[in-house]
């Protein structure tokens, strides 16, 4: 299934504004993060498991156990962002 991943604040600076990702059915946000970490050294540094990150699924804050559906939008951002 295909989903849209969006990045904000420092993650956007490191990885760009967004990218399209293909996931298996019943994948969670945690599965997505792991897949992205394996994508490149830049992804690994920006999304490292030791870093505190917030996530949203279809513009609603969620934790990494949330199941991602076809056509979903997942956003990652630091815990505190300006605006």
PDB file of N, CA and C in Angstrom:
ATOM      1  N   UNK A   1       0.843  -1.174   0.000  1.00  0.00           N
ATOM      2  CA  UNK A   1       0.000   0.000   0.000  1.00  0.00           C
ATOM      3  C   UNK A   1       0.889   1.237   0.000  1.00  0.00           C
ATOM      4  N   UNK A   2       0.393   2.290  -0.565  1.00  0.00           N
ATOM      5  CA  UNK A   2       1.171   3.511  -0.706  1.00  0.00           C
ATOM      6  C   UNK A   2       0.676   4.573   0.285  1.00  0.00           C
ATOM      7  N   UNK A   3       1.624   5.230   0.950  1.00  0.00           N
ATOM      8  CA  UNK A   3       1.272   6.290   1.898  1.00  0.00           C
ATOM      9  C   UNK A   3       2.175   7.501   1.662  1.00  0.00           C
ATOM     10  N   UNK A   4       1.766   8.628   2.198  1.00  0.00           N
ATOM     11  CA  UNK A   4       2.543   9.867   2.133  1.00  0.00           C
ATOM     12  C   UNK A   4       3.163  10.113   3.499  1.00  0.00           C
ATOM     13  N   UNK A   5       4.471  10.376   3.525  1.00  0.00           N
ATOM     14  CA  UNK A   5       5.161  10.717   4.768  1.00  0.00           C
ATOM     15  C   UNK A   5       5.564  12.178   4.682  1.00  0.00           C
ATOM     16  N   UNK A   6       5.229  12.940   5.706  1.00  0.00           N
ATOM     17  CA  UNK A   6       5.585  14.363   5.752  1.00  0.00           C
ATOM     18  C   UNK A   6       6.509  14.615   6.932  1.00  0.00           C
ATOM     19  N   UNK A   7       7.422  15.557   6.737  1.00  0.00           N
ATOM     20  CA  UNK A   7       8.390  15.918   7.772  1.00  0.00           C
ATOM     21  C   UNK A   7       8.261  17.400   8.094  1.00  0.00           C
ATOM     22  N   UNK A   8       8.473  17.745   9.360  1.00  0.00           N
ATOM     23  CA  UNK A   8       8.366  19.128   9.786  1.00  0.00           C
ATOM     24  C   UNK A   8       9.586  19.539  10.602  1.00  0.00           C
ATOM     25  N   UNK A   9       9.824  20.848  10.651  1.00  0.00           N
ATOM     26  CA  UNK A   9      10.892  21.473  11.434  1.00  0.00           C
ATOM     27  C   UNK A   9      12.255  20.903  11.021  1.00  0.00           C
ATOM     28  N   UNK A  10      13.071  20.489  11.974  1.00  0.00           N
ATOM     29  CA  UNK A  10      14.430  20.023  11.666  1.00  0.00           C
ATOM     30  C   UNK A  10      14.425  18.775  10.783  1.00  0.00           C
ATOM     31  N   UNK A  11      13.394  17.959  10.878  1.00  0.00           N
ATOM     32  CA  UNK A  11      13.313  16.767  10.017  1.00  0.00           C
ATOM     33  C   UNK A  11      13.122  17.170   8.564  1.00  0.00           C
ATOM     34  N   UNK A  12      12.341  18.215   8.340  1.00  0.00           N
ATOM     35  CA  UNK A  12      12.127  18.715   6.990  1.00  0.00           C
ATOM     36  C   UNK A  12      13.443  19.231   6.402  1.00  0.00           C
ATOM     37  N   UNK A  13      14.233  19.900   7.234  1.00  0.00           N
ATOM     38  CA  UNK A  13      15.531  20.397   6.775  1.00  0.00           C
ATOM     39  C   UNK A  13      16.452  19.245   6.398  1.00  0.00           C
ATOM     40  N   UNK A  14      16.393  18.154   7.136  1.00  0.00           N
ATOM     41  CA  UNK A  14      17.270  17.013   6.884  1.00  0.00           C
ATOM     42  C   UNK A  14      16.789  16.122   5.741  1.00  0.00           C
ATOM     43  N   UNK A  15      15.458  15.948   5.616  1.00  0.00           N
ATOM     44  CA  UNK A  15      14.915  14.935   4.702  1.00  0.00           C
ATOM     45  C   UNK A  15      14.038  15.480   3.583  1.00  0.00           C
ATOM     46  N   UNK A  16      13.727  16.764   3.629  1.00  0.00           N
ATOM     47  CA  UNK A  16      12.817  17.336   2.646  1.00  0.00           C
ATOM     48  C   UNK A  16      11.400  17.334   3.181  1.00  0.00           C
ATOM     49  N   UNK A  17      10.466  17.906   2.439  1.00  0.00           N
ATOM     50  CA  UNK A  17       9.104  18.061   2.955  1.00  0.00           C
ATOM     51  C   UNK A  17       8.284  16.778   3.025  1.00  0.00           C
ATOM     52  N   UNK A  18       8.494  15.867   2.074  1.00  0.00           N
ATOM     53  CA  UNK A  18       7.667  14.655   2.074  1.00  0.00           C
ATOM     54  C   UNK A  18       8.245  13.610   1.134  1.00  0.00           C
ATOM     55  N   UNK A  19       7.698  12.409   1.250  1.00  0.00           N
ATOM     56  CA  UNK A  19       8.039  11.331   0.324  1.00  0.00           C
ATOM     57  C   UNK A  19       6.927  10.292   0.330  1.00  0.00           C
ATOM     58  N   UNK A  20       6.849   9.561  -0.755  1.00  0.00           N
ATOM     59  CA  UNK A  20       5.889   8.479  -0.911  1.00  0.00           C
ATOM     60  C   UNK A  20       6.572   7.186  -0.480  1.00  0.00           C
ATOM     61  N   UNK A  21       5.869   6.342   0.272  1.00  0.00           N
ATOM     62  CA  UNK A  21       6.447   5.090   0.767  1.00  0.00           C
ATOM     63  C   UNK A  21       5.446   3.960   0.560  1.00  0.00           C
ATOM     64  N   UNK A  22       5.938   2.803   0.183  1.00  0.00           N
ATOM     65  CA  UNK A  22       5.109   1.603   0.075  1.00  0.00           C
ATOM     66  C   UNK A  22       5.306   0.758   1.325  1.00  0.00           C
ATOM     67  N   UNK A  23       4.200   0.369   1.938  1.00  0.00           N
ATOM     68  CA  UNK A  23       4.217  -0.445   3.167  1.00  0.00           C
ATOM     69  C   UNK A  23       3.397  -1.712   2.956  1.00  0.00           C
ATOM     70  N   UNK A  24       3.647  -2.689   3.799  1.00  0.00           N
ATOM     71  CA  UNK A  24       2.814  -3.886   3.801  1.00  0.00           C
ATOM     72  C   UNK A  24       1.522  -3.601   4.568  1.00  0.00           C
ATOM     73  N   UNK A  25       0.501  -4.376   4.323  1.00  0.00           N
ATOM     74  CA  UNK A  25      -0.768  -4.226   5.033  1.00  0.00           C
ATOM     75  C   UNK A  25      -0.548  -4.432   6.522  1.00  0.00           C
ATOM     76  N   UNK A  26      -1.307  -3.733   7.326  1.00  0.00           N
ATOM     77  CA  UNK A  26      -1.265  -3.817   8.785  1.00  0.00           C
ATOM     78  C   UNK A  26       0.043  -3.295   9.392  1.00  0.00           C
ATOM     79  N   UNK A  27       0.800  -2.516   8.626  1.00  0.00           N
ATOM     80  CA  UNK A  27       2.024  -1.916   9.168  1.00  0.00           C
ATOM     81  C   UNK A  27       1.659  -0.822  10.162  1.00  0.00           C
ATOM     82  N   UNK A  28       2.495  -0.664  11.169  1.00  0.00           N
ATOM     83  CA  UNK A  28       2.288   0.382  12.165  1.00  0.00           C
ATOM     84  C   UNK A  28       3.219   1.560  11.867  1.00  0.00           C
ATOM     85  N   UNK A  29       3.003   2.658  12.579  1.00  0.00           N
ATOM     86  CA  UNK A  29       3.901   3.810  12.449  1.00  0.00           C
ATOM     87  C   UNK A  29       5.317   3.399  12.855  1.00  0.00           C
ATOM     88  N   UNK A  30       5.446   2.538  13.841  1.00  0.00           N
ATOM     89  CA  UNK A  30       6.762   2.030  14.241  1.00  0.00           C
ATOM     90  C   UNK A  30       7.427   1.262  13.104  1.00  0.00           C
ATOM     91  N   UNK A  31       6.657   0.429  12.401  1.00  0.00           N
ATOM     92  CA  UNK A  31       7.189  -0.295  11.241  1.00  0.00           C
ATOM     93  C   UNK A  31       7.664   0.686  10.175  1.00  0.00           C
ATOM     94  N   UNK A  32       6.882   1.731   9.957  1.00  0.00           N
ATOM     95  CA  UNK A  32       7.252   2.757   8.986  1.00  0.00           C
ATOM     96  C   UNK A  32       8.555   3.430   9.396  1.00  0.00           C
ATOM     97  N   UNK A  33       8.661   3.813  10.651  1.00  0.00           N
ATOM     98  CA  UNK A  33       9.887   4.469  11.127  1.00  0.00           C
ATOM     99  C   UNK A  33      11.091   3.558  10.908  1.00  0.00           C
ATOM    100  N   UNK A  34      10.966   2.275  11.215  1.00  0.00           N
ATOM    101  CA  UNK A  34      12.064   1.327  11.005  1.00  0.00           C
ATOM    102  C   UNK A  34      12.447   1.247   9.526  1.00  0.00           C
ATOM    103  N   UNK A  35      11.456   1.187   8.653  1.00  0.00           N
ATOM    104  CA  UNK A  35      11.702   1.140   7.213  1.00  0.00           C
ATOM    105  C   UNK A  35      12.437   2.394   6.752  1.00  0.00           C
ATOM    106  N   UNK A  36      12.019   3.545   7.252  1.00  0.00           N
ATOM    107  CA  UNK A  36      12.656   4.802   6.862  1.00  0.00           C
ATOM    108  C   UNK A  36      14.088   4.886   7.382  1.00  0.00           C
ATOM    109  N   UNK A  37      14.325   4.409   8.598  1.00  0.00           N
ATOM    110  CA  UNK A  37      15.675   4.423   9.175  1.00  0.00           C
ATOM    111  C   UNK A  37      16.634   3.627   8.291  1.00  0.00           C
ATOM    112  N   UNK A  38      16.151   2.559   7.686  1.00  0.00           N
ATOM    113  CA  UNK A  38      16.977   1.723   6.817  1.00  0.00           C
ATOM    114  C   UNK A  38      17.175   2.322   5.430  1.00  0.00           C
ATOM    115  N   UNK A  39      16.412   3.348   5.092  1.00  0.00           N
ATOM    116  CA  UNK A  39      16.419   3.917   3.742  1.00  0.00           C
ATOM    117  C   UNK A  39      17.732   4.600   3.378  1.00  0.00           C
ATOM    118  N   UNK A  40      18.319   5.348   4.308  1.00  0.00           N
ATOM    119  CA  UNK A  40      19.573   6.060   4.012  1.00  0.00           C
ATOM    120  C   UNK A  40      20.222   6.511   5.315  1.00  0.00           C
ATOM    121  N   UNK A  41      21.499   6.866   5.263  1.00  0.00           N
ATOM    122  CA  UNK A  41      22.147   7.397   6.467  1.00  0.00           C
ATOM    123  C   UNK A  41      21.477   8.679   6.982  1.00  0.00           C
ATOM    124  N   UNK A  42      20.998   9.534   6.074  1.00  0.00           N
ATOM    125  CA  UNK A  42      20.287  10.749   6.501  1.00  0.00           C
ATOM    126  C   UNK A  42      19.021  10.395   7.271  1.00  0.00           C
ATOM    127  N   UNK A  43      18.269   9.442   6.770  1.00  0.00           N
ATOM    128  CA  UNK A  43      17.055   8.991   7.459  1.00  0.00           C
ATOM    129  C   UNK A  43      17.413   8.394   8.816  1.00  0.00           C
ATOM    130  N   UNK A  44      18.467   7.565   8.838  1.00  0.00           N
ATOM    131  CA  UNK A  44      18.875   6.917  10.090  1.00  0.00           C
ATOM    132  C   UNK A  44      19.229   7.952  11.147  1.00  0.00           C
ATOM    133  N   UNK A  45      19.937   9.006  10.764  1.00  0.00           N
ATOM    134  CA  UNK A  45      20.324  10.045  11.719  1.00  0.00           C
ATOM    135  C   UNK A  45      19.112  10.857  12.179  1.00  0.00           C
ATOM    136  N   UNK A  46      18.239  11.219  11.258  1.00  0.00           N
ATOM    137  CA  UNK A  46      17.104  12.081  11.588  1.00  0.00           C
ATOM    138  C   UNK A  46      16.032  11.354  12.393  1.00  0.00           C
ATOM    139  N   UNK A  47      15.832  10.066  12.119  1.00  0.00           N
ATOM    140  CA  UNK A  47      14.724   9.320  12.727  1.00  0.00           C
ATOM    141  C   UNK A  47      15.192   8.275  13.750  1.00  0.00           C
ATOM    142  N   UNK A  48      16.435   8.370  14.185  1.00  0.00           N
ATOM    143  CA  UNK A  48      17.010   7.386  15.106  1.00  0.00           C
ATOM    144  C   UNK A  48      16.091   7.103  16.286  1.00  0.00           C
ATOM    145  N   UNK A  49      16.071   5.869  16.716  1.00  0.00           N
ATOM    146  CA  UNK A  49      15.194   5.441  17.819  1.00  0.00           C
ATOM    147  C   UNK A  49      15.454   6.193  19.119  1.00  0.00           C
ATOM    148  N   UNK A  50      16.662   6.681  19.331  1.00  0.00           N
ATOM    149  CA  UNK A  50      16.960   7.414  20.552  1.00  0.00           C
ATOM    150  C   UNK A  50      16.405   8.827  20.572  1.00  0.00           C
ATOM    151  N   UNK A  51      15.962   9.317  19.411  1.00  0.00           N
ATOM    152  CA  UNK A  51      15.444  10.683  19.317  1.00  0.00           C
ATOM    153  C   UNK A  51      13.959  10.719  19.675  1.00  0.00           C
ATOM    154  N   UNK A  52      13.602  11.724  20.438  1.00  0.00           N
ATOM    155  CA  UNK A  52      12.185  11.924  20.755  1.00  0.00           C
ATOM    156  C   UNK A  52      11.516  12.573  19.548  1.00  0.00           C
ATOM    157  N   UNK A  53      10.534  11.897  18.987  1.00  0.00           N
ATOM    158  CA  UNK A  53       9.776  12.426  17.853  1.00  0.00           C
ATOM    159  C   UNK A  53       8.293  12.257  18.123  1.00  0.00           C
ATOM    160  N   UNK A  54       7.510  13.168  17.619  1.00  0.00           N
ATOM    161  CA  UNK A  54       6.056  13.034  17.654  1.00  0.00           C
ATOM    162  C   UNK A  54       5.618  12.540  16.285  1.00  0.00           C
ATOM    163  N   UNK A  55       4.456  11.930  16.229  1.00  0.00           N
ATOM    164  CA  UNK A  55       3.930  11.478  14.956  1.00  0.00           C
ATOM    165  C   UNK A  55       2.425  11.724  14.904  1.00  0.00           C
ATOM    166  N   UNK A  56       1.949  11.856  13.701  1.00  0.00           N
ATOM    167  CA  UNK A  56       0.519  12.040  13.477  1.00  0.00           C
ATOM    168  C   UNK A  56       0.106  11.149  12.316  1.00  0.00           C
ATOM    169  N   UNK A  57      -1.072  10.578  12.429  1.00  0.00           N
ATOM    170  CA  UNK A  57      -1.652   9.751  11.379  1.00  0.00           C
ATOM    171  C   UNK A  57      -2.897  10.454  10.891  1.00  0.00           C
ATOM    172  N   UNK A  58      -2.900  10.837   9.615  1.00  0.00           N
ATOM    173  CA  UNK A  58      -4.021  11.583   9.031  1.00  0.00           C
ATOM    174  C   UNK A  58      -4.361  12.820   9.865  1.00  0.00           C
ATOM    175  N   UNK A  59      -3.325  13.546  10.257  1.00  0.00           N
ATOM    176  CA  UNK A  59      -3.401  14.825  10.965  1.00  0.00           C
ATOM    177  C   UNK A  59      -3.943  14.728  12.388  1.00  0.00           C
ATOM    178  N   UNK A  60      -3.854  13.537  12.978  1.00  0.00           N
ATOM    179  CA  UNK A  60      -4.241  13.338  14.377  1.00  0.00           C
ATOM    180  C   UNK A  60      -3.036  12.733  15.102  1.00  0.00           C
ATOM    181  N   UNK A  61      -2.621  13.360  16.206  1.00  0.00           N
ATOM    182  CA  UNK A  61      -1.493  12.821  16.961  1.00  0.00           C
ATOM    183  C   UNK A  61      -1.743  11.363  17.316  1.00  0.00           C
ATOM    184  N   UNK A  62      -0.692  10.565  17.241  1.00  0.00           N
ATOM    185  CA  UNK A  62      -0.824   9.142  17.542  1.00  0.00           C
ATOM    186  C   UNK A  62       0.472   8.650  18.162  1.00  0.00           C
ATOM    187  N   UNK A  63       0.465   7.416  18.632  1.00  0.00           N
ATOM    188  CA  UNK A  63       1.722   6.810  19.048  1.00  0.00           C
ATOM    189  C   UNK A  63       2.144   5.834  17.953  1.00  0.00           C
ATOM    190  N   UNK A  64       3.299   5.240  18.116  1.00  0.00           N
ATOM    191  CA  UNK A  64       3.843   4.418  17.042  1.00  0.00           C
ATOM    192  C   UNK A  64       3.149   3.067  16.877  1.00  0.00           C
ATOM    193  N   UNK A  65       2.209   2.757  17.741  1.00  0.00           N
ATOM    194  CA  UNK A  65       1.465   1.498  17.584  1.00  0.00           C
ATOM    195  C   UNK A  65       0.279   1.645  16.626  1.00  0.00           C
ATOM    196  N   UNK A  66       0.004   2.863  16.171  1.00  0.00           N
ATOM    197  CA  UNK A  66      -1.125   3.101  15.261  1.00  0.00           C
ATOM    198  C   UNK A  66      -0.912   2.359  13.947  1.00  0.00           C
ATOM    199  N   UNK A  67      -1.960   1.723  13.456  1.00  0.00           N
ATOM    200  CA  UNK A  67      -1.910   0.985  12.193  1.00  0.00           C
ATOM    201  C   UNK A  67      -2.183   1.948  11.046  1.00  0.00           C
ATOM    202  N   UNK A  68      -1.335   1.891  10.037  1.00  0.00           N
ATOM    203  CA  UNK A  68      -1.414   2.788   8.881  1.00  0.00           C
ATOM    204  C   UNK A  68      -2.227   2.118   7.786  1.00  0.00           C
ATOM    205  N   UNK A  69      -3.188   2.843   7.221  1.00  0.00           N
ATOM    206  CA  UNK A  69      -4.016   2.308   6.146  1.00  0.00           C
ATOM    207  C   UNK A  69      -3.618   2.855   4.784  1.00  0.00           C
ATOM    208  N   UNK A  70      -4.129   2.235   3.746  1.00  0.00           N
ATOM    209  CA  UNK A  70      -3.879   2.655   2.366  1.00  0.00           C
ATOM    210  C   UNK A  70      -4.192   4.141   2.200  1.00  0.00           C
ATOM    211  N   UNK A  71      -3.279   4.867   1.556  1.00  0.00           N
ATOM    212  CA  UNK A  71      -3.487   6.277   1.262  1.00  0.00           C
ATOM    213  C   UNK A  71      -3.323   7.206   2.451  1.00  0.00           C
ATOM    214  N   UNK A  72      -2.847   6.690   3.572  1.00  0.00           N
ATOM    215  CA  UNK A  72      -2.707   7.498   4.785  1.00  0.00           C
ATOM    216  C   UNK A  72      -1.590   8.518   4.634  1.00  0.00           C
ATOM    217  N   UNK A  73      -1.643   9.511   5.520  1.00  0.00           N
ATOM    218  CA  UNK A  73      -0.570  10.480   5.645  1.00  0.00           C
ATOM    219  C   UNK A  73      -0.003  10.352   7.055  1.00  0.00           C
ATOM    220  N   UNK A  74       1.311  10.131   7.143  1.00  0.00           N
ATOM    221  CA  UNK A  74       1.990  10.053   8.423  1.00  0.00           C
ATOM    222  C   UNK A  74       2.976  11.201   8.488  1.00  0.00           C
ATOM    223  N   UNK A  75       2.944  11.941   9.580  1.00  0.00           N
ATOM    224  CA  UNK A  75       3.860  13.068   9.759  1.00  0.00           C
ATOM    225  C   UNK A  75       4.758  12.803  10.953  1.00  0.00           C
ATOM    226  N   UNK A  76       6.009  13.203  10.827  1.00  0.00           N
ATOM    227  CA  UNK A  76       6.974  13.131  11.928  1.00  0.00           C
ATOM    228  C   UNK A  76       7.481  14.539  12.201  1.00  0.00           C
ATOM    229  N   UNK A  77       7.635  14.861  13.483  1.00  0.00           N
ATOM    230  CA  UNK A  77       8.126  16.181  13.855  1.00  0.00           C
ATOM    231  C   UNK A  77       8.706  16.135  15.266  1.00  0.00           C
ATOM    232  N   UNK A  78       9.610  17.077  15.582  1.00  0.00           N
ATOM    233  CA  UNK A  78      10.180  17.125  16.924  1.00  0.00           C
ATOM    234  C   UNK A  78       9.087  17.443  17.935  1.00  0.00           C
ATOM    235  N   UNK A  79       9.309  17.130  19.221  1.00  0.00           N
ATOM    236  CA  UNK A  79       8.274  17.356  20.223  1.00  0.00           C
ATOM    237  C   UNK A  79       7.886  18.820  20.393  1.00  0.00           C
ATOM    238  N   UNK A  80       8.808  19.735  20.104  1.00  0.00           N
ATOM    239  CA  UNK A  80       8.502  21.159  20.201  1.00  0.00           C
ATOM    240  C   UNK A  80       8.882  21.794  18.868  1.00  0.00           C
ATOM    241  N   UNK A  81       7.896  22.423  18.223  1.00  0.00           N
ATOM    242  CA  UNK A  81       8.173  23.115  16.971  1.00  0.00           C
ATOM    243  C   UNK A  81       7.656  24.536  17.085  1.00  0.00           C
ATOM    244  N   UNK A  82       8.301  25.417  16.399  1.00  0.00           N
ATOM    245  CA  UNK A  82       7.860  26.812  16.376  1.00  0.00           C
ATOM    246  C   UNK A  82       6.748  27.007  15.373  1.00  0.00           C
ATOM    247  N   UNK A  83       6.162  28.143  15.384  1.00  0.00           N
ATOM    248  CA  UNK A  83       5.128  28.300  14.392  1.00  0.00           C
ATOM    249  C   UNK A  83       4.529  29.599  14.446  1.00  0.00           C
TER     250      UNK A  83
END
